[in-house]
N, C-alpha and C. Protein backbone atom coordinates (compact mmCIF):
# COMPACT_ATOMS: atom_id res chain seq x y z
N MET A 1 -18.00 -28.27 -23.14
CA MET A 1 -17.76 -27.32 -22.07
C MET A 1 -16.27 -27.35 -21.73
N SER A 2 -15.65 -26.20 -21.70
CA SER A 2 -14.24 -26.15 -21.33
C SER A 2 -14.11 -25.60 -19.91
N LEU A 3 -13.13 -26.11 -19.20
CA LEU A 3 -12.86 -25.64 -17.85
C LEU A 3 -11.74 -24.62 -17.90
N PHE A 4 -11.84 -23.63 -17.05
CA PHE A 4 -10.79 -22.62 -16.99
C PHE A 4 -10.02 -22.79 -15.71
N ASP A 5 -8.72 -22.81 -15.79
CA ASP A 5 -7.87 -22.95 -14.63
C ASP A 5 -7.28 -21.58 -14.29
N TRP A 6 -7.77 -20.96 -13.22
CA TRP A 6 -7.28 -19.65 -12.81
C TRP A 6 -5.82 -19.76 -12.42
N GLY A 7 -5.00 -18.85 -12.90
CA GLY A 7 -3.58 -18.85 -12.57
C GLY A 7 -3.32 -18.33 -11.17
N LEU A 8 -2.17 -18.69 -10.64
CA LEU A 8 -1.74 -18.19 -9.33
C LEU A 8 -0.70 -17.09 -9.57
N PHE A 9 -0.87 -15.98 -8.93
CA PHE A 9 0.02 -14.84 -9.07
C PHE A 9 0.37 -14.35 -7.67
N ALA A 10 1.23 -15.11 -7.00
CA ALA A 10 1.55 -14.86 -5.59
C ALA A 10 2.13 -13.47 -5.36
N ASP A 11 3.01 -13.01 -6.24
CA ASP A 11 3.62 -11.69 -6.05
C ASP A 11 2.58 -10.58 -6.19
N ALA A 12 1.72 -10.70 -7.18
CA ALA A 12 0.66 -9.69 -7.38
C ALA A 12 -0.31 -9.70 -6.20
N GLU A 13 -0.70 -10.89 -5.76
CA GLU A 13 -1.61 -10.99 -4.61
C GLU A 13 -0.98 -10.40 -3.36
N SER A 14 0.29 -10.69 -3.14
CA SER A 14 1.00 -10.15 -1.98
C SER A 14 1.07 -8.63 -2.04
N PHE A 15 1.35 -8.08 -3.21
CA PHE A 15 1.40 -6.63 -3.38
C PHE A 15 0.05 -6.00 -3.05
N LEU A 16 -1.02 -6.57 -3.58
CA LEU A 16 -2.36 -6.04 -3.31
C LEU A 16 -2.71 -6.16 -1.84
N GLN A 17 -2.35 -7.29 -1.22
CA GLN A 17 -2.65 -7.50 0.20
C GLN A 17 -1.90 -6.49 1.07
N LYS A 18 -0.61 -6.28 0.77
CA LYS A 18 0.18 -5.30 1.54
C LYS A 18 -0.37 -3.89 1.35
N SER A 19 -0.76 -3.56 0.13
CA SER A 19 -1.32 -2.24 -0.14
C SER A 19 -2.63 -2.04 0.61
N LEU A 20 -3.48 -3.06 0.60
CA LEU A 20 -4.75 -2.99 1.32
C LEU A 20 -4.51 -2.90 2.82
N ASN A 21 -3.59 -3.70 3.34
CA ASN A 21 -3.28 -3.65 4.77
C ASN A 21 -2.75 -2.29 5.18
N GLY A 22 -1.95 -1.67 4.31
CA GLY A 22 -1.45 -0.33 4.58
C GLY A 22 -2.59 0.68 4.69
N LEU A 23 -3.55 0.57 3.79
CA LEU A 23 -4.72 1.44 3.84
C LEU A 23 -5.49 1.22 5.14
N LEU A 24 -5.72 -0.03 5.48
CA LEU A 24 -6.48 -0.34 6.69
C LEU A 24 -5.78 0.17 7.95
N SER A 25 -4.46 0.09 7.97
CA SER A 25 -3.72 0.54 9.15
C SER A 25 -3.78 2.05 9.33
N ARG A 26 -4.07 2.78 8.25
CA ARG A 26 -4.16 4.23 8.31
C ARG A 26 -5.60 4.75 8.43
N ASN A 27 -6.57 3.85 8.41
CA ASN A 27 -7.97 4.27 8.43
C ASN A 27 -8.73 3.37 9.40
N SER A 28 -8.99 3.89 10.59
CA SER A 28 -9.61 3.07 11.63
C SER A 28 -11.03 2.64 11.27
N ALA A 29 -11.76 3.46 10.53
CA ALA A 29 -13.13 3.08 10.14
C ALA A 29 -13.08 1.89 9.18
N ALA A 30 -12.19 1.94 8.20
CA ALA A 30 -12.05 0.83 7.25
C ALA A 30 -11.55 -0.42 7.97
N GLU A 31 -10.64 -0.24 8.91
CA GLU A 31 -10.13 -1.38 9.67
C GLU A 31 -11.25 -2.05 10.47
N ARG A 32 -12.14 -1.23 11.02
CA ARG A 32 -13.28 -1.75 11.79
C ARG A 32 -14.23 -2.52 10.87
N VAL A 33 -14.49 -1.99 9.68
CA VAL A 33 -15.35 -2.69 8.72
C VAL A 33 -14.73 -4.03 8.33
N ALA A 34 -13.43 -4.04 8.09
CA ALA A 34 -12.73 -5.29 7.75
C ALA A 34 -12.89 -6.32 8.87
N PHE A 35 -12.76 -5.87 10.11
CA PHE A 35 -12.91 -6.76 11.26
C PHE A 35 -14.34 -7.29 11.34
N GLU A 36 -15.32 -6.42 11.14
CA GLU A 36 -16.72 -6.84 11.20
C GLU A 36 -17.06 -7.82 10.08
N ILE A 37 -16.50 -7.62 8.89
CA ILE A 37 -16.71 -8.56 7.79
C ILE A 37 -16.14 -9.93 8.15
N GLN A 38 -14.92 -9.92 8.71
CA GLN A 38 -14.28 -11.18 9.11
C GLN A 38 -15.12 -11.90 10.16
N GLN A 39 -15.57 -11.17 11.16
CA GLN A 39 -16.35 -11.78 12.23
C GLN A 39 -17.73 -12.24 11.77
N GLY A 40 -18.35 -11.45 10.91
CA GLY A 40 -19.72 -11.73 10.49
C GLY A 40 -19.86 -12.73 9.36
N THR A 41 -18.83 -12.83 8.53
CA THR A 41 -18.96 -13.67 7.34
C THR A 41 -17.87 -14.74 7.21
N SER A 42 -16.87 -14.66 8.08
CA SER A 42 -15.70 -15.56 8.01
C SER A 42 -14.98 -15.44 6.67
N THR A 43 -15.04 -14.24 6.09
CA THR A 43 -14.29 -13.95 4.87
C THR A 43 -13.40 -12.75 5.11
N SER A 44 -12.45 -12.56 4.24
CA SER A 44 -11.51 -11.45 4.34
C SER A 44 -12.01 -10.26 3.54
N ILE A 45 -11.68 -9.06 4.01
CA ILE A 45 -12.02 -7.85 3.26
C ILE A 45 -11.41 -7.91 1.85
N PHE A 46 -10.29 -8.59 1.72
CA PHE A 46 -9.62 -8.76 0.42
C PHE A 46 -10.58 -9.35 -0.61
N ASP A 47 -11.45 -10.26 -0.18
CA ASP A 47 -12.40 -10.90 -1.08
C ASP A 47 -13.56 -9.99 -1.47
N TRP A 48 -13.72 -8.88 -0.77
CA TRP A 48 -14.83 -7.97 -1.00
C TRP A 48 -14.43 -6.74 -1.83
N VAL A 49 -13.14 -6.53 -1.98
CA VAL A 49 -12.66 -5.32 -2.65
C VAL A 49 -12.95 -5.38 -4.15
N ASP A 50 -13.48 -4.27 -4.67
CA ASP A 50 -13.78 -4.14 -6.10
C ASP A 50 -12.54 -3.67 -6.86
N HIS A 51 -11.82 -2.71 -6.30
CA HIS A 51 -10.59 -2.19 -6.89
C HIS A 51 -9.84 -1.43 -5.81
N LEU A 52 -8.59 -1.13 -6.06
CA LEU A 52 -7.77 -0.37 -5.14
C LEU A 52 -7.13 0.76 -5.92
N THR A 53 -7.18 1.98 -5.38
CA THR A 53 -6.58 3.14 -6.03
C THR A 53 -5.35 3.57 -5.25
N LEU A 54 -4.23 3.71 -5.95
CA LEU A 54 -2.98 4.15 -5.34
C LEU A 54 -2.43 5.33 -6.12
N PRO A 55 -1.64 6.19 -5.45
CA PRO A 55 -1.00 7.29 -6.17
C PRO A 55 0.00 6.77 -7.19
N ALA A 56 -0.10 7.22 -8.42
CA ALA A 56 0.75 6.73 -9.51
C ALA A 56 2.22 6.95 -9.21
N GLU A 57 2.55 8.05 -8.55
CA GLU A 57 3.96 8.36 -8.29
C GLU A 57 4.60 7.43 -7.26
N LYS A 58 3.79 6.65 -6.57
CA LYS A 58 4.33 5.72 -5.57
C LYS A 58 4.39 4.28 -6.05
N VAL A 59 4.06 4.06 -7.32
CA VAL A 59 4.02 2.70 -7.87
C VAL A 59 4.92 2.62 -9.10
N ASP A 60 5.77 1.63 -9.12
CA ASP A 60 6.66 1.38 -10.25
C ASP A 60 5.94 0.43 -11.21
N THR A 61 5.55 0.93 -12.36
CA THR A 61 4.79 0.10 -13.31
C THR A 61 5.64 -1.04 -13.87
N ASP A 62 6.96 -0.88 -13.92
CA ASP A 62 7.82 -1.98 -14.34
C ASP A 62 7.74 -3.13 -13.34
N GLU A 63 7.70 -2.78 -12.06
CA GLU A 63 7.56 -3.81 -11.01
C GLU A 63 6.20 -4.48 -11.09
N LEU A 64 5.16 -3.68 -11.38
CA LEU A 64 3.83 -4.26 -11.56
C LEU A 64 3.85 -5.30 -12.68
N ALA A 65 4.49 -4.96 -13.78
CA ALA A 65 4.57 -5.88 -14.93
C ALA A 65 5.27 -7.18 -14.54
N LYS A 66 6.32 -7.09 -13.75
CA LYS A 66 7.02 -8.29 -13.30
C LYS A 66 6.13 -9.19 -12.45
N MET A 67 5.15 -8.59 -11.77
CA MET A 67 4.23 -9.36 -10.93
C MET A 67 3.05 -9.92 -11.72
N GLY A 68 2.93 -9.53 -12.99
CA GLY A 68 1.84 -10.04 -13.82
C GLY A 68 0.76 -9.03 -14.15
N PHE A 69 0.88 -7.80 -13.65
CA PHE A 69 -0.10 -6.77 -13.97
C PHE A 69 0.11 -6.27 -15.38
N GLU A 70 -0.99 -5.98 -16.05
CA GLU A 70 -0.97 -5.40 -17.39
C GLU A 70 -1.90 -4.20 -17.40
N GLU A 71 -1.50 -3.15 -18.10
CA GLU A 71 -2.39 -2.00 -18.22
C GLU A 71 -3.57 -2.40 -19.08
N GLN A 72 -4.76 -2.12 -18.59
CA GLN A 72 -5.98 -2.49 -19.29
C GLN A 72 -6.35 -1.41 -20.30
N LYS A 73 -7.11 -1.79 -21.28
CA LYS A 73 -7.57 -0.83 -22.29
C LYS A 73 -8.58 0.15 -21.71
N LYS A 74 -9.31 -0.28 -20.69
CA LYS A 74 -10.31 0.62 -20.11
C LYS A 74 -9.63 1.63 -19.19
N ILE A 75 -10.22 2.78 -19.10
CA ILE A 75 -9.74 3.86 -18.25
C ILE A 75 -10.84 4.16 -17.24
N TRP A 76 -10.46 4.41 -16.00
CA TRP A 76 -11.43 4.73 -14.95
C TRP A 76 -11.24 6.18 -14.57
N ASN A 77 -12.20 7.02 -14.90
CA ASN A 77 -12.13 8.46 -14.62
C ASN A 77 -10.81 9.07 -15.07
N GLY A 78 -10.32 8.65 -16.22
CA GLY A 78 -9.09 9.19 -16.76
C GLY A 78 -7.82 8.59 -16.20
N GLU A 79 -7.93 7.63 -15.31
CA GLU A 79 -6.76 7.03 -14.67
C GLU A 79 -6.48 5.65 -15.27
N ALA A 80 -5.21 5.25 -15.23
CA ALA A 80 -4.79 3.95 -15.75
C ALA A 80 -5.27 2.82 -14.83
N VAL A 81 -5.72 1.75 -15.45
CA VAL A 81 -6.19 0.57 -14.72
C VAL A 81 -5.26 -0.59 -15.04
N PHE A 82 -4.78 -1.27 -14.00
CA PHE A 82 -3.90 -2.42 -14.16
C PHE A 82 -4.57 -3.64 -13.56
N GLY A 83 -4.52 -4.75 -14.29
CA GLY A 83 -5.10 -5.99 -13.80
C GLY A 83 -4.21 -7.16 -14.14
N VAL A 84 -4.51 -8.28 -13.54
CA VAL A 84 -3.77 -9.51 -13.81
C VAL A 84 -4.72 -10.44 -14.56
N GLN A 85 -4.49 -10.58 -15.86
CA GLN A 85 -5.33 -11.44 -16.69
C GLN A 85 -5.21 -12.88 -16.21
N GLY A 86 -6.32 -13.60 -16.23
CA GLY A 86 -6.31 -15.00 -15.83
C GLY A 86 -6.28 -15.19 -14.34
N SER A 87 -6.66 -14.16 -13.60
CA SER A 87 -6.71 -14.26 -12.13
C SER A 87 -8.05 -13.71 -11.64
N THR A 88 -8.31 -13.92 -10.38
CA THR A 88 -9.51 -13.35 -9.76
C THR A 88 -9.16 -12.12 -8.92
N LEU A 89 -7.93 -11.61 -9.07
CA LEU A 89 -7.50 -10.45 -8.30
C LEU A 89 -8.20 -9.18 -8.78
N PHE A 90 -8.50 -8.30 -7.84
CA PHE A 90 -9.15 -7.04 -8.19
C PHE A 90 -8.14 -6.11 -8.88
N PRO A 91 -8.64 -5.19 -9.72
CA PRO A 91 -7.75 -4.29 -10.45
C PRO A 91 -7.17 -3.19 -9.56
N LEU A 92 -6.11 -2.61 -10.05
CA LEU A 92 -5.40 -1.53 -9.38
C LEU A 92 -5.52 -0.30 -10.27
N ILE A 93 -5.95 0.81 -9.69
CA ILE A 93 -6.07 2.07 -10.42
C ILE A 93 -4.96 2.99 -9.92
N LEU A 94 -4.18 3.52 -10.85
CA LEU A 94 -3.12 4.45 -10.49
C LEU A 94 -3.60 5.86 -10.75
N LYS A 95 -3.76 6.61 -9.69
CA LYS A 95 -4.27 7.98 -9.76
C LYS A 95 -3.10 8.93 -9.91
N SER A 96 -3.14 9.73 -10.97
CA SER A 96 -2.08 10.70 -11.21
C SER A 96 -2.30 11.94 -10.36
N GLY A 97 -1.25 12.69 -10.18
CA GLY A 97 -1.34 13.91 -9.36
C GLY A 97 -1.04 13.60 -7.91
N ARG A 98 -0.97 14.62 -7.12
CA ARG A 98 -0.64 14.46 -5.70
C ARG A 98 -1.83 13.88 -4.95
N SER A 99 -1.53 12.95 -4.06
CA SER A 99 -2.59 12.39 -3.22
C SER A 99 -2.80 13.31 -2.03
N LYS A 100 -4.02 13.32 -1.54
CA LYS A 100 -4.35 14.16 -0.39
C LYS A 100 -4.43 13.26 0.82
N THR A 101 -3.36 13.24 1.61
CA THR A 101 -3.35 12.44 2.82
C THR A 101 -2.95 13.30 4.00
N LYS A 102 -3.46 12.96 5.15
CA LYS A 102 -3.09 13.64 6.38
C LYS A 102 -1.92 12.90 6.99
N ASN A 103 -0.97 13.64 7.52
CA ASN A 103 0.15 13.03 8.23
C ASN A 103 -0.04 13.16 9.71
């Protein structure tokens, strides 16, 4: 039996955490769910996230690579998927085209 030592990717984790926090700060319903998860389970919403989708035009893929992200072979609904191999971090999906957000 071999043991696997998960790598630490502080920059990638920080990027994902900041991106998730930005989403939560703009969506009161999601922020409320995150609070209820914390209160009810003593875990962070970060641990529950399956993936995060961001507008491709707002993400520098060269910077992602420096943080340890690699484009995955799989595609999600035609969009590029980036993950950090050897980590437990959730994947990042870069959605092409204009994002629909309210200001």
